[in-house]
């Protein structure tokens, strides 16, 4: 797993390096350009310990550059569906299985946190895509796309990168 994780983090860094930091708001956290593949099992254990409920995913940063983050996300159940405004999400599955359901629109949209670019809801109406996911799979979720990880089997752990998308003109 170590080489795969290192390659994925390196690929994410290459994808992000030329993009300008378009986000506004608070100063970014300190830079973290490297996480060893040998550290990933301990990070998964830490995320597992931090999980408060199967309906809430636990996240830890494994790479940070400016406003960009590579996050380790740990899930054991159904978490709320989301839409990321202005950001495409790159997902790399480290372990477990789930189904990504996407398309349509969010229902029961909750008020966003101040400065957040993500809307959360209670469901997705009119979803038109379902993609089974397993260890090693890579997936892109386009910006403005409602999506949810469903049918989570056991511990579902991913690396995610939210990539700012330039305004289409």
C-alpha atoms as a PDB file:
ATOM      1  CA  UNK A   1       0.000   0.000   0.000  1.00  0.00           C
ATOM      2  CA  UNK A   2       2.888   2.397   0.669  1.00  0.00           C
ATOM      3  CA  UNK A   3       3.993   2.776  -2.971  1.00  0.00           C
ATOM      4  CA  UNK A   4       0.391   3.206  -4.186  1.00  0.00           C
ATOM      5  CA  UNK A   5      -0.294   5.929  -1.629  1.00  0.00           C
ATOM      6  CA  UNK A   6       2.957   7.729  -2.437  1.00  0.00           C
ATOM      7  CA  UNK A   7       2.165   7.605  -6.171  1.00  0.00           C
ATOM      8  CA  UNK A   8      -1.354   8.918  -5.558  1.00  0.00           C
ATOM      9  CA  UNK A   9      -0.120  11.786  -3.379  1.00  0.00           C
ATOM     10  CA  UNK A  10       2.564  12.627  -5.939  1.00  0.00           C
ATOM     11  CA  UNK A  11      -0.044  12.626  -8.746  1.00  0.00           C
ATOM     12  CA  UNK A  12      -2.325  14.860  -6.684  1.00  0.00           C
ATOM     13  CA  UNK A  13       0.548  17.263  -6.030  1.00  0.00           C
ATOM     14  CA  UNK A  14       1.335  17.434  -9.766  1.00  0.00           C
ATOM     15  CA  UNK A  15      -2.314  18.130 -10.565  1.00  0.00           C
ATOM     16  CA  UNK A  16      -2.509  20.897  -7.994  1.00  0.00           C
ATOM     17  CA  UNK A  17       0.871  22.579  -8.355  1.00  0.00           C
ATOM     18  CA  UNK A  18       0.041  24.786 -11.370  1.00  0.00           C
ATOM     19  CA  UNK A  19      -3.413  25.854 -10.192  1.00  0.00           C
ATOM     20  CA  UNK A  20      -3.745  29.301  -8.604  1.00  0.00           C
ATOM     21  CA  UNK A  21      -5.137  29.527  -5.114  1.00  0.00           C
ATOM     22  CA  UNK A  22      -8.526  30.986  -5.997  1.00  0.00           C
ATOM     23  CA  UNK A  23     -10.146  30.484  -2.618  1.00  0.00           C
ATOM     24  CA  UNK A  24     -10.839  33.483  -0.428  1.00  0.00           C
ATOM     25  CA  UNK A  25     -11.020  33.635   3.320  1.00  0.00           C
ATOM     26  CA  UNK A  26      -8.784  32.674   6.214  1.00  0.00           C
ATOM     27  CA  UNK A  27      -5.094  32.035   5.811  1.00  0.00           C
ATOM     28  CA  UNK A  28      -4.262  28.493   4.738  1.00  0.00           C
ATOM     29  CA  UNK A  29      -2.857  25.996   7.251  1.00  0.00           C
ATOM     30  CA  UNK A  30       0.856  25.132   7.299  1.00  0.00           C
ATOM     31  CA  UNK A  31       2.215  23.258   4.292  1.00  0.00           C
ATOM     32  CA  UNK A  32       2.485  19.461   4.485  1.00  0.00           C
ATOM     33  CA  UNK A  33       3.861  18.128   1.205  1.00  0.00           C
ATOM     34  CA  UNK A  34       4.570  14.542   2.244  1.00  0.00           C
ATOM     35  CA  UNK A  35       2.970  11.718   4.203  1.00  0.00           C
ATOM     36  CA  UNK A  36       4.729   8.369   4.235  1.00  0.00           C
ATOM     37  CA  UNK A  37       2.760   5.341   3.121  1.00  0.00           C
ATOM     38  CA  UNK A  38       4.023   3.707   6.327  1.00  0.00           C
ATOM     39  CA  UNK A  39       2.050   6.351   8.287  1.00  0.00           C
ATOM     40  CA  UNK A  40      -1.291   5.618   6.601  1.00  0.00           C
ATOM     41  CA  UNK A  41      -2.354   2.707   8.899  1.00  0.00           C
ATOM     42  CA  UNK A  42      -1.813   4.917  11.977  1.00  0.00           C
ATOM     43  CA  UNK A  43      -3.795   7.731  10.346  1.00  0.00           C
ATOM     44  CA  UNK A  44      -6.645   5.320   9.575  1.00  0.00           C
ATOM     45  CA  UNK A  45      -6.610   4.205  13.228  1.00  0.00           C
ATOM     46  CA  UNK A  46      -6.668   7.868  14.333  1.00  0.00           C
ATOM     47  CA  UNK A  47      -9.606   8.647  12.007  1.00  0.00           C
ATOM     48  CA  UNK A  48     -11.440   5.562  13.297  1.00  0.00           C
ATOM     49  CA  UNK A  49     -10.956   6.696  16.907  1.00  0.00           C
ATOM     50  CA  UNK A  50     -12.209  10.198  16.022  1.00  0.00           C
ATOM     51  CA  UNK A  51     -15.392   8.988  14.314  1.00  0.00           C
ATOM     52  CA  UNK A  52     -18.372  10.038  16.443  1.00  0.00           C
ATOM     53  CA  UNK A  53     -21.084   8.199  14.483  1.00  0.00           C
ATOM     54  CA  UNK A  54     -21.365   5.907  11.443  1.00  0.00           C
ATOM     55  CA  UNK A  55     -23.334   8.768   9.828  1.00  0.00           C
ATOM     56  CA  UNK A  56     -20.410  11.194  10.035  1.00  0.00           C
ATOM     57  CA  UNK A  57     -17.165  10.691   8.138  1.00  0.00           C
ATOM     58  CA  UNK A  58     -13.917  11.411   9.936  1.00  0.00           C
ATOM     59  CA  UNK A  59     -11.270  13.326   7.964  1.00  0.00           C
ATOM     60  CA  UNK A  60      -7.571  13.977   8.458  1.00  0.00           C
ATOM     61  CA  UNK A  61      -5.248  16.023   6.220  1.00  0.00           C
ATOM     62  CA  UNK A  62      -2.397  14.025   4.666  1.00  0.00           C
ATOM     63  CA  UNK A  63      -1.223  16.762   2.303  1.00  0.00           C
ATOM     64  CA  UNK A  64      -1.670  20.536   2.448  1.00  0.00           C
ATOM     65  CA  UNK A  65      -0.485  23.199   0.029  1.00  0.00           C
ATOM     66  CA  UNK A  66      -2.077  26.629   0.278  1.00  0.00           C
ATOM     67  CA  UNK A  67      -5.830  26.182   0.130  1.00  0.00           C
ATOM     68  CA  UNK A  68      -5.526  22.652  -1.303  1.00  0.00           C
ATOM     69  CA  UNK A  69      -5.811  19.571   0.869  1.00  0.00           C
ATOM     70  CA  UNK A  70      -5.433  15.847   0.358  1.00  0.00           C
ATOM     71  CA  UNK A  71      -7.753  14.312   2.948  1.00  0.00           C
ATOM     72  CA  UNK A  72      -7.990  10.818   4.353  1.00  0.00           C
ATOM     73  CA  UNK A  73     -11.728  10.155   4.825  1.00  0.00           C
ATOM     74  CA  UNK A  74     -12.978   7.303   7.021  1.00  0.00           C
ATOM     75  CA  UNK A  75     -16.604   6.095   6.805  1.00  0.00           C
ATOM     76  CA  UNK A  76     -18.522   3.138   8.215  1.00  0.00           C
ATOM     77  CA  UNK A  77     -22.068   4.129   7.241  1.00  0.00           C
ATOM     78  CA  UNK A  78     -24.260   6.399   5.174  1.00  0.00           C
ATOM     79  CA  UNK A  79     -23.098  10.018   5.393  1.00  0.00           C
ATOM     80  CA  UNK A  80     -25.020  13.022   4.001  1.00  0.00           C
ATOM     81  CA  UNK A  81     -24.926  13.739   0.267  1.00  0.00           C
ATOM     82  CA  UNK A  82     -22.970  16.799  -0.857  1.00  0.00           C
ATOM     83  CA  UNK A  83     -22.325  19.210  -3.733  1.00  0.00           C
ATOM     84  CA  UNK A  84     -18.953  20.963  -4.002  1.00  0.00           C
ATOM     85  CA  UNK A  85     -19.295  24.358  -5.705  1.00  0.00           C
ATOM     86  CA  UNK A  86     -16.409  25.254  -7.997  1.00  0.00           C
ATOM     87  CA  UNK A  87     -14.451  22.131  -7.035  1.00  0.00           C
ATOM     88  CA  UNK A  88     -13.985  18.787  -8.753  1.00  0.00           C
ATOM     89  CA  UNK A  89     -13.269  15.975  -6.288  1.00  0.00           C
ATOM     90  CA  UNK A  90     -10.631  13.317  -6.980  1.00  0.00           C
ATOM     91  CA  UNK A  91     -11.280  10.121  -4.991  1.00  0.00           C
ATOM     92  CA  UNK A  92      -8.793   7.266  -4.494  1.00  0.00           C
ATOM     93  CA  UNK A  93     -10.095   4.242  -2.564  1.00  0.00           C
ATOM     94  CA  UNK A  94      -7.607   2.926   0.015  1.00  0.00           C
ATOM     95  CA  UNK A  95      -9.820   0.197   1.493  1.00  0.00           C
ATOM     96  CA  UNK A  96     -13.366  -1.075   1.650  1.00  0.00           C
ATOM     97  CA  UNK A  97     -16.321  -0.932  -0.703  1.00  0.00           C
ATOM     98  CA  UNK A  98     -19.145   1.510  -1.355  1.00  0.00           C
ATOM     99  CA  UNK A  99     -21.279   2.796  -4.200  1.00  0.00           C
ATOM    100  CA  UNK A 100     -21.035   6.407  -5.328  1.00  0.00           C
ATOM    101  CA  UNK A 101     -24.461   7.665  -6.380  1.00  0.00           C
ATOM    102  CA  UNK A 102     -24.424  10.978  -8.280  1.00  0.00           C
ATOM    103  CA  UNK A 103     -26.395  13.368 -10.437  1.00  0.00           C
ATOM    104  CA  UNK A 104     -29.777  14.951  -9.881  1.00  0.00           C
ATOM    105  CA  UNK A 105     -30.039  17.485  -7.080  1.00  0.00           C
ATOM    106  CA  UNK A 106     -29.783  17.636  -3.307  1.00  0.00           C
ATOM    107  CA  UNK A 107     -32.909  17.575  -1.192  1.00  0.00           C
ATOM    108  CA  UNK A 108     -33.136  18.954   2.332  1.00  0.00           C
ATOM    109  CA  UNK A 109     -30.195  21.302   1.791  1.00  0.00           C
ATOM    110  CA  UNK A 110     -28.764  22.473   5.116  1.00  0.00           C
ATOM    111  CA  UNK A 111     -27.490  26.047   5.637  1.00  0.00           C
ATOM    112  CA  UNK A 112     -23.768  26.008   4.751  1.00  0.00           C
ATOM    113  CA  UNK A 113     -21.071  26.846   7.266  1.00  0.00           C
ATOM    114  CA  UNK A 114     -19.648  30.364   6.777  1.00  0.00           C
ATOM    115  CA  UNK A 115     -17.141  30.350   3.918  1.00  0.00           C
ATOM    116  CA  UNK A 116     -17.983  26.762   2.908  1.00  0.00           C
ATOM    117  CA  UNK A 117     -18.097  25.799  -0.760  1.00  0.00           C
ATOM    118  CA  UNK A 118     -19.949  22.559   0.033  1.00  0.00           C
ATOM    119  CA  UNK A 119     -23.700  22.094   0.394  1.00  0.00           C
ATOM    120  CA  UNK A 120     -24.984  19.130   2.414  1.00  0.00           C
ATOM    121  CA  UNK A 121     -28.450  17.659   2.121  1.00  0.00           C
ATOM    122  CA  UNK A 122     -30.604  14.817   3.332  1.00  0.00           C
ATOM    123  CA  UNK A 123     -30.971  13.038  -0.014  1.00  0.00           C
ATOM    124  CA  UNK A 124     -30.497  13.136  -3.779  1.00  0.00           C
ATOM    125  CA  UNK A 125     -33.469  13.329  -6.132  1.00  0.00           C
ATOM    126  CA  UNK A 126     -33.031  12.214  -9.733  1.00  0.00           C
ATOM    127  CA  UNK A 127     -29.573  10.634  -9.352  1.00  0.00           C
ATOM    128  CA  UNK A 128     -28.638   9.120 -12.706  1.00  0.00           C
ATOM    129  CA  UNK A 129     -25.327   7.393 -11.995  1.00  0.00           C
ATOM    130  CA  UNK A 130     -24.249   4.594  -9.672  1.00  0.00           C
ATOM    131  CA  UNK A 131     -20.605   3.489  -9.496  1.00  0.00           C
ATOM    132  CA  UNK A 132     -19.422   0.583  -7.313  1.00  0.00           C
ATOM    133  CA  UNK A 133     -16.054   1.381  -5.715  1.00  0.00           C
ATOM    134  CA  UNK A 134     -13.343  -0.899  -4.310  1.00  0.00           C
ATOM    135  CA  UNK A 135      -9.722  -0.652  -3.168  1.00  0.00           C
ATOM    136  CA  UNK A 136      -7.504   0.952  -5.800  1.00  0.00           C
ATOM    137  CA  UNK A 137     -10.318   2.659  -7.734  1.00  0.00           C
ATOM    138  CA  UNK A 138      -9.943   6.293  -8.794  1.00  0.00           C
ATOM    139  CA  UNK A 139     -12.914   8.513  -9.536  1.00  0.00           C
ATOM    140  CA  UNK A 140     -13.564  12.149 -10.428  1.00  0.00           C
ATOM    141  CA  UNK A 141     -16.746  13.859  -9.207  1.00  0.00           C
ATOM    142  CA  UNK A 142     -17.307  16.976 -11.348  1.00  0.00           C
ATOM    143  CA  UNK A 143     -17.960  20.310  -9.641  1.00  0.00           C
ATOM    144  CA  UNK A 144     -21.632  21.085  -8.942  1.00  0.00           C
ATOM    145  CA  UNK A 145     -22.529  17.348  -8.908  1.00  0.00           C
ATOM    146  CA  UNK A 146     -24.691  15.957  -6.114  1.00  0.00           C
ATOM    147  CA  UNK A 147     -23.085  12.773  -4.788  1.00  0.00           C
ATOM    148  CA  UNK A 148     -23.181  10.328  -1.886  1.00  0.00           C
ATOM    149  CA  UNK A 149     -21.280   7.201  -0.858  1.00  0.00           C
ATOM    150  CA  UNK A 150     -23.930   4.529  -0.267  1.00  0.00           C
ATOM    151  CA  UNK A 151     -23.862   0.795   0.540  1.00  0.00           C
ATOM    152  CA  UNK A 152     -20.723   1.265   2.645  1.00  0.00           C
ATOM    153  CA  UNK A 153     -19.298  -2.141   3.542  1.00  0.00           C
ATOM    154  CA  UNK A 154     -17.246  -2.155   6.765  1.00  0.00           C
ATOM    155  CA  UNK A 155     -14.560   0.513   6.854  1.00  0.00           C
ATOM    156  CA  UNK A 156     -14.508   2.609   3.680  1.00  0.00           C
ATOM    157  CA  UNK A 157     -11.357   4.758   3.494  1.00  0.00           C
ATOM    158  CA  UNK A 158     -10.515   7.168   0.687  1.00  0.00           C
ATOM    159  CA  UNK A 159      -8.063   9.894  -0.173  1.00  0.00           C
ATOM    160  CA  UNK A 160      -9.889  12.921  -1.572  1.00  0.00           C
ATOM    161  CA  UNK A 161      -8.610  16.062  -3.251  1.00  0.00           C
ATOM    162  CA  UNK A 162     -10.883  19.024  -3.988  1.00  0.00           C
ATOM    163  CA  UNK A 163      -9.509  20.819  -7.051  1.00  0.00           C
ATOM    164  CA  UNK A 164     -10.595  24.389  -7.718  1.00  0.00           C
ATOM    165  CA  UNK A 165     -12.053  24.767 -11.188  1.00  0.00           C
ATOM    166  CA  UNK A 166     -11.560  27.985 -13.145  1.00  0.00           C
ATOM    167  CA  UNK A 167     -14.702  29.896 -14.045  1.00  0.00           C
ATOM    168  CA  UNK A 168     -16.013  28.918 -17.468  1.00  0.00           C
ATOM    169  CA  UNK A 169     -16.258  32.003 -19.716  1.00  0.00           C
END
